[in-house]
PDB file of all heavy atoms in Angstrom:
ATOM      1  N   LYS A   1     -12.361  17.190 -24.353  1.00  0.00           N
ATOM      2  CA  LYS A   1     -13.252  16.036 -23.895  1.00  0.00           C
ATOM      3  C   LYS A   1     -13.031  14.854 -24.658  1.00  0.00           C
ATOM      4  O   LYS A   1     -12.962  13.794 -24.122  1.00  0.00           O
ATOM      5  CB  LYS A   1     -14.741  16.564 -23.942  1.00  0.00           C
ATOM      6  CG  LYS A   1     -15.149  17.511 -22.853  1.00  0.00           C
ATOM      7  CD  LYS A   1     -16.515  17.882 -23.091  1.00  0.00           C
ATOM      8  CE  LYS A   1     -17.048  18.880 -21.936  1.00  0.00           C
ATOM      9  NZ  LYS A   1     -18.406  19.303 -22.055  1.00  0.00           N
ATOM     10  N   LYS A   2     -12.759  15.120 -26.007  1.00  0.00           N
ATOM     11  CA  LYS A   2     -12.563  13.913 -26.904  1.00  0.00           C
ATOM     12  C   LYS A   2     -11.199  13.148 -26.478  1.00  0.00           C
ATOM     13  O   LYS A   2     -11.162  11.998 -26.415  1.00  0.00           O
ATOM     14  CB  LYS A   2     -12.534  14.436 -28.333  1.00  0.00           C
ATOM     15  CG  LYS A   2     -12.553  13.204 -29.279  1.00  0.00           C
ATOM     16  CD  LYS A   2     -12.706  13.728 -30.713  1.00  0.00           C
ATOM     17  CE  LYS A   2     -12.777  12.494 -31.683  1.00  0.00           C
ATOM     18  NZ  LYS A   2     -13.044  12.876 -33.021  1.00  0.00           N
ATOM     19  N   LEU A   3     -10.184  14.007 -26.261  1.00  0.00           N
ATOM     20  CA  LEU A   3      -8.921  13.502 -25.742  1.00  0.00           C
ATOM     21  C   LEU A   3      -9.097  12.706 -24.512  1.00  0.00           C
ATOM     22  O   LEU A   3      -8.567  11.569 -24.248  1.00  0.00           O
ATOM     23  CB  LEU A   3      -7.865  14.542 -25.712  1.00  0.00           C
ATOM     24  CG  LEU A   3      -7.239  15.075 -26.909  1.00  0.00           C
ATOM     25  CD1 LEU A   3      -6.341  16.366 -26.617  1.00  0.00           C
ATOM     26  CD2 LEU A   3      -6.425  14.066 -27.665  1.00  0.00           C
ATOM     27  N   GLU A   4      -9.739  13.311 -23.549  1.00  0.00           N
ATOM     28  CA  GLU A   4     -10.036  12.716 -22.182  1.00  0.00           C
ATOM     29  C   GLU A   4     -10.634  11.412 -22.209  1.00  0.00           C
ATOM     30  O   GLU A   4     -10.383  10.436 -21.564  1.00  0.00           O
ATOM     31  CB  GLU A   4     -10.766  13.817 -21.347  1.00  0.00           C
ATOM     32  CG  GLU A   4     -10.385  13.675 -19.956  1.00  0.00           C
ATOM     33  CD  GLU A   4     -11.061  14.843 -19.188  1.00  0.00           C
ATOM     34  OE1 GLU A   4     -12.155  15.240 -19.540  1.00  0.00           O
ATOM     35  OE2 GLU A   4     -10.495  15.236 -18.152  1.00  0.00           O
ATOM     36  N   THR A   5     -11.611  11.327 -23.140  1.00  0.00           N
ATOM     37  CA  THR A   5     -12.445  10.021 -23.216  1.00  0.00           C
ATOM     38  C   THR A   5     -11.518   8.887 -23.781  1.00  0.00           C
ATOM     39  O   THR A   5     -11.796   7.758 -23.579  1.00  0.00           O
ATOM     40  CB  THR A   5     -13.712  10.189 -24.129  1.00  0.00           C
ATOM     41  OG1 THR A   5     -13.327  10.688 -25.387  1.00  0.00           O
ATOM     42  CG2 THR A   5     -14.604  11.192 -23.538  1.00  0.00           C
ATOM     43  N   GLN A   6     -10.550   9.304 -24.569  1.00  0.00           N
ATOM     44  CA  GLN A   6      -9.695   8.182 -25.235  1.00  0.00           C
ATOM     45  C   GLN A   6      -8.643   7.782 -24.284  1.00  0.00           C
ATOM     46  O   GLN A   6      -7.883   6.788 -24.563  1.00  0.00           O
ATOM     47  CB  GLN A   6      -9.076   8.802 -26.441  1.00  0.00           C
ATOM     48  CG  GLN A   6     -10.103   9.004 -27.568  1.00  0.00           C
ATOM     49  CD  GLN A   6      -9.523   9.594 -28.860  1.00  0.00           C
ATOM     50  OE1 GLN A   6      -8.759   8.891 -29.585  1.00  0.00           O
ATOM     51  NE2 GLN A   6      -9.804  10.821 -29.168  1.00  0.00           N
ATOM     52  N   LEU A   7      -8.330   8.525 -23.127  1.00  0.00           N
ATOM     53  CA  LEU A   7      -7.234   8.201 -22.313  1.00  0.00           C
ATOM     54  C   LEU A   7      -7.710   7.086 -21.292  1.00  0.00           C
ATOM     55  O   LEU A   7      -8.769   7.038 -20.806  1.00  0.00           O
ATOM     56  CB  LEU A   7      -6.808   9.394 -21.427  1.00  0.00           C
ATOM     57  CG  LEU A   7      -6.256  10.627 -22.272  1.00  0.00           C
ATOM     58  CD1 LEU A   7      -6.007  11.723 -21.241  1.00  0.00           C
ATOM     59  CD2 LEU A   7      -5.074  10.238 -23.033  1.00  0.00           C
ATOM     60  N   SER A   8      -6.710   6.131 -21.126  1.00  0.00           N
ATOM     61  CA  SER A   8      -7.022   5.146 -20.159  1.00  0.00           C
ATOM     62  C   SER A   8      -6.951   5.757 -18.763  1.00  0.00           C
ATOM     63  O   SER A   8      -6.164   6.779 -18.640  1.00  0.00           O
ATOM     64  CB  SER A   8      -5.974   3.977 -20.266  1.00  0.00           C
ATOM     65  OG  SER A   8      -4.675   4.591 -20.235  1.00  0.00           O
ATOM     66  N   LYS A   9      -7.472   5.075 -17.746  1.00  0.00           N
ATOM     67  CA  LYS A   9      -7.440   5.683 -16.466  1.00  0.00           C
ATOM     68  C   LYS A   9      -5.941   5.528 -15.896  1.00  0.00           C
ATOM     69  O   LYS A   9      -5.268   4.463 -16.096  1.00  0.00           O
ATOM     70  CB  LYS A   9      -8.332   4.955 -15.449  1.00  0.00           C
ATOM     71  CG  LYS A   9      -9.822   5.217 -15.781  1.00  0.00           C
ATOM     72  CD  LYS A   9     -10.705   4.566 -14.724  1.00  0.00           C
ATOM     73  CE  LYS A   9     -12.128   4.921 -15.050  1.00  0.00           C
ATOM     74  NZ  LYS A   9     -13.020   4.330 -14.087  1.00  0.00           N
ATOM     75  N   PRO A  10      -5.482   6.512 -15.213  1.00  0.00           N
ATOM     76  CA  PRO A  10      -4.132   6.480 -14.622  1.00  0.00           C
ATOM     77  C   PRO A  10      -4.043   5.217 -13.720  1.00  0.00           C
ATOM     78  O   PRO A  10      -4.940   5.016 -12.934  1.00  0.00           O
ATOM     79  CB  PRO A  10      -3.910   7.767 -13.838  1.00  0.00           C
ATOM     80  CG  PRO A  10      -4.944   8.641 -14.493  1.00  0.00           C
ATOM     81  CD  PRO A  10      -6.103   7.794 -14.869  1.00  0.00           C
ATOM     82  N   GLN A  11      -2.855   4.528 -13.831  1.00  0.00           N
ATOM     83  CA  GLN A  11      -2.721   3.377 -12.869  1.00  0.00           C
ATOM     84  C   GLN A  11      -2.623   3.873 -11.535  1.00  0.00           C
ATOM     85  O   GLN A  11      -1.838   4.793 -11.119  1.00  0.00           O
ATOM     86  CB  GLN A  11      -1.356   2.675 -13.366  1.00  0.00           C
ATOM     87  CG  GLN A  11      -1.457   2.074 -14.645  1.00  0.00           C
ATOM     88  CD  GLN A  11      -0.228   1.294 -15.046  1.00  0.00           C
ATOM     89  OE1 GLN A  11       0.896   1.422 -14.376  1.00  0.00           O
ATOM     90  NE2 GLN A  11      -0.191   0.635 -16.151  1.00  0.00           N
ATOM     91  N   ARG A  12      -3.363   3.243 -10.636  1.00  0.00           N
ATOM     92  CA  ARG A  12      -3.436   3.558  -9.205  1.00  0.00           C
ATOM     93  C   ARG A  12      -2.984   2.483  -8.373  1.00  0.00           C
ATOM     94  O   ARG A  12      -3.292   2.398  -7.165  1.00  0.00           O
ATOM     95  CB  ARG A  12      -4.824   4.039  -8.854  1.00  0.00           C
ATOM     96  CG  ARG A  12      -5.338   5.187  -9.568  1.00  0.00           C
ATOM     97  CD  ARG A  12      -6.693   5.624  -9.024  1.00  0.00           C
ATOM     98  NE  ARG A  12      -7.151   6.834  -9.688  1.00  0.00           N
ATOM     99  CZ  ARG A  12      -6.830   8.153  -9.381  1.00  0.00           C
ATOM    100  NH1 ARG A  12      -5.934   8.331  -8.439  1.00  0.00           N
ATOM    101  NH2 ARG A  12      -7.214   9.056 -10.125  1.00  0.00           N
ATOM    102  N   THR A  13      -2.075   1.683  -8.985  1.00  0.00           N
ATOM    103  CA  THR A  13      -1.574   0.546  -8.290  1.00  0.00           C
ATOM    104  C   THR A  13      -0.638   0.905  -7.221  1.00  0.00           C
ATOM    105  O   THR A  13      -0.360   0.127  -6.278  1.00  0.00           O
ATOM    106  CB  THR A  13      -0.898  -0.421  -9.235  1.00  0.00           C
ATOM    107  OG1 THR A  13       0.034   0.175 -10.007  1.00  0.00           O
ATOM    108  CG2 THR A  13      -1.924  -1.055 -10.117  1.00  0.00           C
ATOM    109  N   SER A  14       0.017   2.103  -7.397  1.00  0.00           N
ATOM    110  CA  SER A  14       1.194   2.337  -6.571  1.00  0.00           C
ATOM    111  C   SER A  14       0.778   2.555  -5.076  1.00  0.00           C
ATOM    112  O   SER A  14       1.463   1.939  -4.279  1.00  0.00           O
ATOM    113  CB  SER A  14       1.793   3.749  -7.013  1.00  0.00           C
ATOM    114  OG  SER A  14       0.718   4.721  -6.961  1.00  0.00           O
ATOM    115  N   SER A  15      -0.367   3.141  -4.797  1.00  0.00           N
ATOM    116  CA  SER A  15      -0.639   3.341  -3.420  1.00  0.00           C
ATOM    117  C   SER A  15      -1.076   2.050  -2.763  1.00  0.00           C
ATOM    118  O   SER A  15      -0.782   1.656  -1.676  1.00  0.00           O
ATOM    119  CB  SER A  15      -1.795   4.367  -3.275  1.00  0.00           C
ATOM    120  OG  SER A  15      -2.928   3.994  -3.984  1.00  0.00           O
ATOM    121  N   ALA A  16      -1.913   1.192  -3.586  1.00  0.00           N
ATOM    122  CA  ALA A  16      -2.311  -0.109  -3.008  1.00  0.00           C
ATOM    123  C   ALA A  16      -1.148  -0.973  -2.952  1.00  0.00           C
ATOM    124  O   ALA A  16      -1.012  -1.674  -1.875  1.00  0.00           O
ATOM    125  CB  ALA A  16      -3.371  -0.665  -4.003  1.00  0.00           C
ATOM    126  N   LYS A  17      -0.226  -1.003  -3.878  1.00  0.00           N
ATOM    127  CA  LYS A  17       0.876  -1.836  -3.836  1.00  0.00           C
ATOM    128  C   LYS A  17       1.729  -1.431  -2.617  1.00  0.00           C
ATOM    129  O   LYS A  17       2.343  -2.195  -1.919  1.00  0.00           O
ATOM    130  CB  LYS A  17       1.692  -1.718  -5.090  1.00  0.00           C
ATOM    131  CG  LYS A  17       2.770  -2.777  -5.264  1.00  0.00           C
ATOM    132  CD  LYS A  17       3.460  -2.642  -6.621  1.00  0.00           C
ATOM    133  CE  LYS A  17       2.777  -3.218  -7.701  1.00  0.00           C
ATOM    134  NZ  LYS A  17       3.488  -3.234  -8.998  1.00  0.00           N
ATOM    135  N   GLN A  18       1.860  -0.092  -2.524  1.00  0.00           N
ATOM    136  CA  GLN A  18       2.737   0.390  -1.420  1.00  0.00           C
ATOM    137  C   GLN A  18       2.250   0.020  -0.022  1.00  0.00           C
ATOM    138  O   GLN A  18       2.954  -0.454   0.798  1.00  0.00           O
ATOM    139  CB  GLN A  18       2.786   2.035  -1.439  1.00  0.00           C
ATOM    140  CG  GLN A  18       3.656   2.701  -0.450  1.00  0.00           C
ATOM    141  CD  GLN A  18       5.053   2.576  -0.871  1.00  0.00           C
ATOM    142  OE1 GLN A  18       5.384   2.144  -2.026  1.00  0.00           O
ATOM    143  NE2 GLN A  18       6.013   2.751   0.050  1.00  0.00           N
ATOM    144  N   SER A  19       0.764   0.050   0.107  1.00  0.00           N
ATOM    145  CA  SER A  19       0.196  -0.291   1.361  1.00  0.00           C
ATOM    146  C   SER A  19       0.492  -1.824   1.698  1.00  0.00           C
ATOM    147  O   SER A  19       0.793  -2.295   2.660  1.00  0.00           O
ATOM    148  CB  SER A  19      -1.262  -0.111   1.283  1.00  0.00           C
ATOM    149  OG  SER A  19      -1.443   1.257   1.187  1.00  0.00           O
ATOM    150  N   SER A  20       0.332  -2.565   0.554  1.00  0.00           N
ATOM    151  CA  SER A  20       0.567  -4.083   0.644  1.00  0.00           C
ATOM    152  C   SER A  20       2.040  -4.443   1.124  1.00  0.00           C
ATOM    153  O   SER A  20       2.233  -5.190   1.996  1.00  0.00           O
ATOM    154  CB  SER A  20       0.253  -4.723  -0.664  1.00  0.00           C
ATOM    155  OG  SER A  20       0.622  -6.119  -0.689  1.00  0.00           O
ATOM    156  N   LEU A  21       2.923  -3.686   0.456  1.00  0.00           N
ATOM    157  CA  LEU A  21       4.361  -3.873   0.762  1.00  0.00           C
ATOM    158  C   LEU A  21       4.629  -3.457   2.195  1.00  0.00           C
ATOM    159  O   LEU A  21       5.450  -4.078   2.904  1.00  0.00           O
ATOM    160  CB  LEU A  21       5.177  -3.190  -0.210  1.00  0.00           C
ATOM    161  CG  LEU A  21       5.230  -3.730  -1.585  1.00  0.00           C
ATOM    162  CD1 LEU A  21       5.755  -2.741  -2.618  1.00  0.00           C
ATOM    163  CD2 LEU A  21       6.179  -5.051  -1.620  1.00  0.00           C
ATOM    164  N   SER A  22       4.083  -2.268   2.631  1.00  0.00           N
ATOM    165  CA  SER A  22       4.275  -1.869   3.867  1.00  0.00           C
ATOM    166  C   SER A  22       3.838  -2.802   4.963  1.00  0.00           C
ATOM    167  O   SER A  22       4.456  -3.038   6.025  1.00  0.00           O
ATOM    168  CB  SER A  22       3.634  -0.459   4.173  1.00  0.00           C
ATOM    169  OG  SER A  22       4.202   0.484   3.253  1.00  0.00           O
ATOM    170  N   LEU A  23       2.627  -3.422   4.600  1.00  0.00           N
ATOM    171  CA  LEU A  23       2.146  -4.392   5.581  1.00  0.00           C
ATOM    172  C   LEU A  23       2.953  -5.652   5.685  1.00  0.00           C
ATOM    173  O   LEU A  23       3.234  -6.183   6.750  1.00  0.00           O
ATOM    174  CB  LEU A  23       0.675  -4.744   5.224  1.00  0.00           C
ATOM    175  CG  LEU A  23      -0.447  -3.667   5.415  1.00  0.00           C
ATOM    176  CD1 LEU A  23      -1.651  -3.976   4.709  1.00  0.00           C
ATOM    177  CD2 LEU A  23      -0.691  -3.528   6.886  1.00  0.00           C
ATOM    178  N   LYS A  24       3.529  -6.030   4.518  1.00  0.00           N
ATOM    179  CA  LYS A  24       4.385  -7.094   4.507  1.00  0.00           C
ATOM    180  C   LYS A  24       5.664  -6.898   5.233  1.00  0.00           C
ATOM    181  O   LYS A  24       6.172  -7.789   5.998  1.00  0.00           O
ATOM    182  CB  LYS A  24       4.783  -7.605   3.128  1.00  0.00           C
ATOM    183  CG  LYS A  24       3.702  -8.364   2.395  1.00  0.00           C
ATOM    184  CD  LYS A  24       4.219  -8.719   1.023  1.00  0.00           C
ATOM    185  CE  LYS A  24       3.185  -9.438   0.210  1.00  0.00           C
ATOM    186  NZ  LYS A  24       3.716  -9.606  -1.200  1.00  0.00           N
ATOM    187  N   ALA A  25       6.241  -5.632   4.992  1.00  0.00           N
ATOM    188  CA  ALA A  25       7.459  -5.363   5.702  1.00  0.00           C
ATOM    189  C   ALA A  25       7.362  -5.202   7.164  1.00  0.00           C
ATOM    190  O   ALA A  25       8.203  -5.650   7.925  1.00  0.00           O
ATOM    191  CB  ALA A  25       7.993  -4.011   5.120  1.00  0.00           C
ATOM    192  N   ALA A  26       6.197  -4.615   7.616  1.00  0.00           N
ATOM    193  CA  ALA A  26       6.052  -4.590   9.039  1.00  0.00           C
ATOM    194  C   ALA A  26       5.741  -6.054   9.454  1.00  0.00           C
ATOM    195  O   ALA A  26       4.989  -6.798   8.852  1.00  0.00           O
ATOM    196  CB  ALA A  26       4.790  -3.744   9.391  1.00  0.00           C
ATOM    197  N   ASN A  27       6.423  -6.453  10.524  1.00  0.00           N
ATOM    198  CA  ASN A  27       6.430  -7.894  10.907  1.00  0.00           C
ATOM    199  C   ASN A  27       4.860  -8.204  11.257  1.00  0.00           C
ATOM    200  O   ASN A  27       4.140  -7.387  11.716  1.00  0.00           O
ATOM    201  CB  ASN A  27       7.138  -7.920  12.239  1.00  0.00           C
ATOM    202  CG  ASN A  27       7.313  -9.368  12.818  1.00  0.00           C
ATOM    203  OD1 ASN A  27       6.297 -10.131  12.980  1.00  0.00           O
ATOM    204  ND2 ASN A  27       8.628  -9.785  12.775  1.00  0.00           N
ATOM    205  N   THR A  28       4.461  -9.453  10.969  1.00  0.00           N
ATOM    206  CA  THR A  28       3.112  -9.831  11.066  1.00  0.00           C
ATOM    207  C   THR A  28       2.707  -9.722  12.506  1.00  0.00           C
ATOM    208  O   THR A  28       1.476  -9.601  12.760  1.00  0.00           O
ATOM    209  CB  THR A  28       2.920 -11.245  10.609  1.00  0.00           C
ATOM    210  OG1 THR A  28       3.843 -12.121  11.159  1.00  0.00           O
ATOM    211  CG2 THR A  28       3.029 -11.277   9.057  1.00  0.00           C
ATOM    212  N   SER A  29       3.612  -9.759  13.394  1.00  0.00           N
ATOM    213  CA  SER A  29       3.150  -9.694  14.821  1.00  0.00           C
ATOM    214  C   SER A  29       3.446  -8.295  15.312  1.00  0.00           C
ATOM    215  O   SER A  29       3.620  -8.095  16.587  1.00  0.00           O
ATOM    216  CB  SER A  29       3.942 -10.645  15.721  1.00  0.00           C
ATOM    217  OG  SER A  29       5.358 -10.437  15.523  1.00  0.00           O
ATOM    218  N   GLU A  30       3.470  -7.306  14.417  1.00  0.00           N
ATOM    219  CA  GLU A  30       3.706  -5.929  14.810  1.00  0.00           C
ATOM    220  C   GLU A  30       2.813  -5.422  15.834  1.00  0.00           C
ATOM    221  O   GLU A  30       3.260  -4.645  16.648  1.00  0.00           O
ATOM    222  CB  GLU A  30       3.626  -5.055  13.458  1.00  0.00           C
ATOM    223  CG  GLU A  30       3.800  -3.557  13.643  1.00  0.00           C
ATOM    224  CD  GLU A  30       5.243  -3.172  13.505  1.00  0.00           C
ATOM    225  OE1 GLU A  30       6.003  -3.915  13.140  1.00  0.00           O
ATOM    226  OE2 GLU A  30       5.461  -1.947  13.819  1.00  0.00           O
ATOM    227  N   ASP A  31       1.542  -5.873  15.796  1.00  0.00           N
ATOM    228  CA  ASP A  31       0.516  -5.324  16.609  1.00  0.00           C
ATOM    229  C   ASP A  31       0.687  -5.899  18.035  1.00  0.00           C
ATOM    230  O   ASP A  31       0.000  -5.475  18.967  1.00  0.00           O
ATOM    231  CB  ASP A  31      -0.898  -5.488  16.107  1.00  0.00           C
ATOM    232  CG  ASP A  31      -1.016  -4.658  14.847  1.00  0.00           C
ATOM    233  OD1 ASP A  31      -0.370  -3.568  14.671  1.00  0.00           O
ATOM    234  OD2 ASP A  31      -1.849  -5.093  13.962  1.00  0.00           O
ATOM    235  N   SER A  32       1.343  -6.916  18.201  1.00  0.00           N
ATOM    236  CA  SER A  32       1.515  -7.649  19.501  1.00  0.00           C
ATOM    237  C   SER A  32       2.266  -6.674  20.547  1.00  0.00           C
ATOM    238  O   SER A  32       3.086  -5.940  20.071  1.00  0.00           O
ATOM    239  CB  SER A  32       2.244  -8.974  19.410  1.00  0.00           C
ATOM    240  OG  SER A  32       3.541  -8.852  19.261  1.00  0.00           O
ATOM    241  N   LEU A  33       1.850  -6.804  21.710  1.00  0.00           N
ATOM    242  CA  LEU A  33       2.504  -5.929  22.712  1.00  0.00           C
ATOM    243  C   LEU A  33       3.924  -6.200  22.867  1.00  0.00           C
ATOM    244  O   LEU A  33       4.789  -5.277  22.885  1.00  0.00           O
ATOM    245  CB  LEU A  33       1.899  -6.283  24.127  1.00  0.00           C
ATOM    246  CG  LEU A  33       0.894  -5.321  24.725  1.00  0.00           C
ATOM    247  CD1 LEU A  33      -0.318  -5.103  23.710  1.00  0.00           C
ATOM    248  CD2 LEU A  33       0.460  -5.778  25.976  1.00  0.00           C
ATOM    249  N   LEU A  34       4.405  -7.453  22.723  1.00  0.00           N
ATOM    250  CA  LEU A  34       5.825  -7.798  22.958  1.00  0.00           C
ATOM    251  C   LEU A  34       6.600  -7.194  21.768  1.00  0.00           C
ATOM    252  O   LEU A  34       7.759  -6.600  21.988  1.00  0.00           O
ATOM    253  CB  LEU A  34       6.020  -9.319  22.924  1.00  0.00           C
ATOM    254  CG  LEU A  34       7.302  -9.772  23.432  1.00  0.00           C
ATOM    255  CD1 LEU A  34       7.632  -9.317  24.778  1.00  0.00           C
ATOM    256  CD2 LEU A  34       7.325 -11.350  23.425  1.00  0.00           C
ATOM    257  N   GLU A  35       6.149  -7.330  20.599  1.00  0.00           N
ATOM    258  CA  GLU A  35       6.921  -6.825  19.422  1.00  0.00           C
ATOM    259  C   GLU A  35       7.047  -5.355  19.477  1.00  0.00           C
ATOM    260  O   GLU A  35       8.123  -4.782  19.323  1.00  0.00           O
ATOM    261  CB  GLU A  35       6.127  -7.136  18.111  1.00  0.00           C
ATOM    262  CG  GLU A  35       6.679  -6.673  16.839  1.00  0.00           C
ATOM    263  CD  GLU A  35       7.929  -7.411  16.310  1.00  0.00           C
ATOM    264  OE1 GLU A  35       7.990  -8.597  16.611  1.00  0.00           O
ATOM    265  OE2 GLU A  35       8.672  -6.869  15.517  1.00  0.00           O
ATOM    266  N   GLU A  36       6.003  -4.589  19.758  1.00  0.00           N
ATOM    267  CA  GLU A  36       6.104  -3.170  19.824  1.00  0.00           C
ATOM    268  C   GLU A  36       6.835  -2.660  20.988  1.00  0.00           C
ATOM    269  O   GLU A  36       7.690  -1.760  20.832  1.00  0.00           O
ATOM    270  CB  GLU A  36       4.538  -2.706  19.950  1.00  0.00           C
ATOM    271  CG  GLU A  36       4.395  -1.137  19.838  1.00  0.00           C
ATOM    272  CD  GLU A  36       4.911  -0.676  18.373  1.00  0.00           C
ATOM    273  OE1 GLU A  36       4.578  -1.411  17.451  1.00  0.00           O
ATOM    274  OE2 GLU A  36       5.483   0.324  18.310  1.00  0.00           O
ATOM    275  N   ALA A  37       6.753  -3.301  22.134  1.00  0.00           N
ATOM    276  CA  ALA A  37       7.454  -2.929  23.371  1.00  0.00           C
ATOM    277  C   ALA A  37       8.995  -3.017  23.137  1.00  0.00           C
ATOM    278  O   ALA A  37       9.824  -2.152  23.449  1.00  0.00           O
ATOM    279  CB  ALA A  37       6.971  -3.651  24.562  1.00  0.00           C
ATOM    280  N   GLU A  38       9.410  -4.280  22.718  1.00  0.00           N
ATOM    281  CA  GLU A  38      10.869  -4.472  22.574  1.00  0.00           C
ATOM    282  C   GLU A  38      11.505  -3.594  21.519  1.00  0.00           C
ATOM    283  O   GLU A  38      12.649  -2.982  21.630  1.00  0.00           O
ATOM    284  CB  GLU A  38      11.007  -5.922  22.217  1.00  0.00           C
ATOM    285  CG  GLU A  38      10.755  -6.838  23.330  1.00  0.00           C
ATOM    286  CD  GLU A  38      11.125  -8.349  23.218  1.00  0.00           C
ATOM    287  OE1 GLU A  38      11.772  -8.569  22.099  1.00  0.00           O
ATOM    288  OE2 GLU A  38      10.951  -9.080  24.124  1.00  0.00           O
ATOM    289  N   LYS A  39      10.613  -3.436  20.504  1.00  0.00           N
ATOM    290  CA  LYS A  39      11.067  -2.482  19.315  1.00  0.00           C
ATOM    291  C   LYS A  39      11.330  -1.027  19.943  1.00  0.00           C
ATOM    292  O   LYS A  39      12.309  -0.365  19.581  1.00  0.00           O
ATOM    293  CB  LYS A  39      10.080  -2.553  18.270  1.00  0.00           C
ATOM    294  CG  LYS A  39      10.498  -1.735  16.977  1.00  0.00           C
ATOM    295  CD  LYS A  39       9.708  -1.979  15.779  1.00  0.00           C
ATOM    296  CE  LYS A  39       8.222  -1.553  15.965  1.00  0.00           C
ATOM    297  NZ  LYS A  39       7.462  -1.711  14.728  1.00  0.00           N
TER     298      LYS A  39
END
């Protein structure tokens, strides 16, 4: 317990950053009918 209290919280930026990057990578008009249909 003493060790655990001294530990900093594990960085959880990876999933948030991953989601952000995935959203950027997917074209901003990804949800439009035309983008999705032609793709």
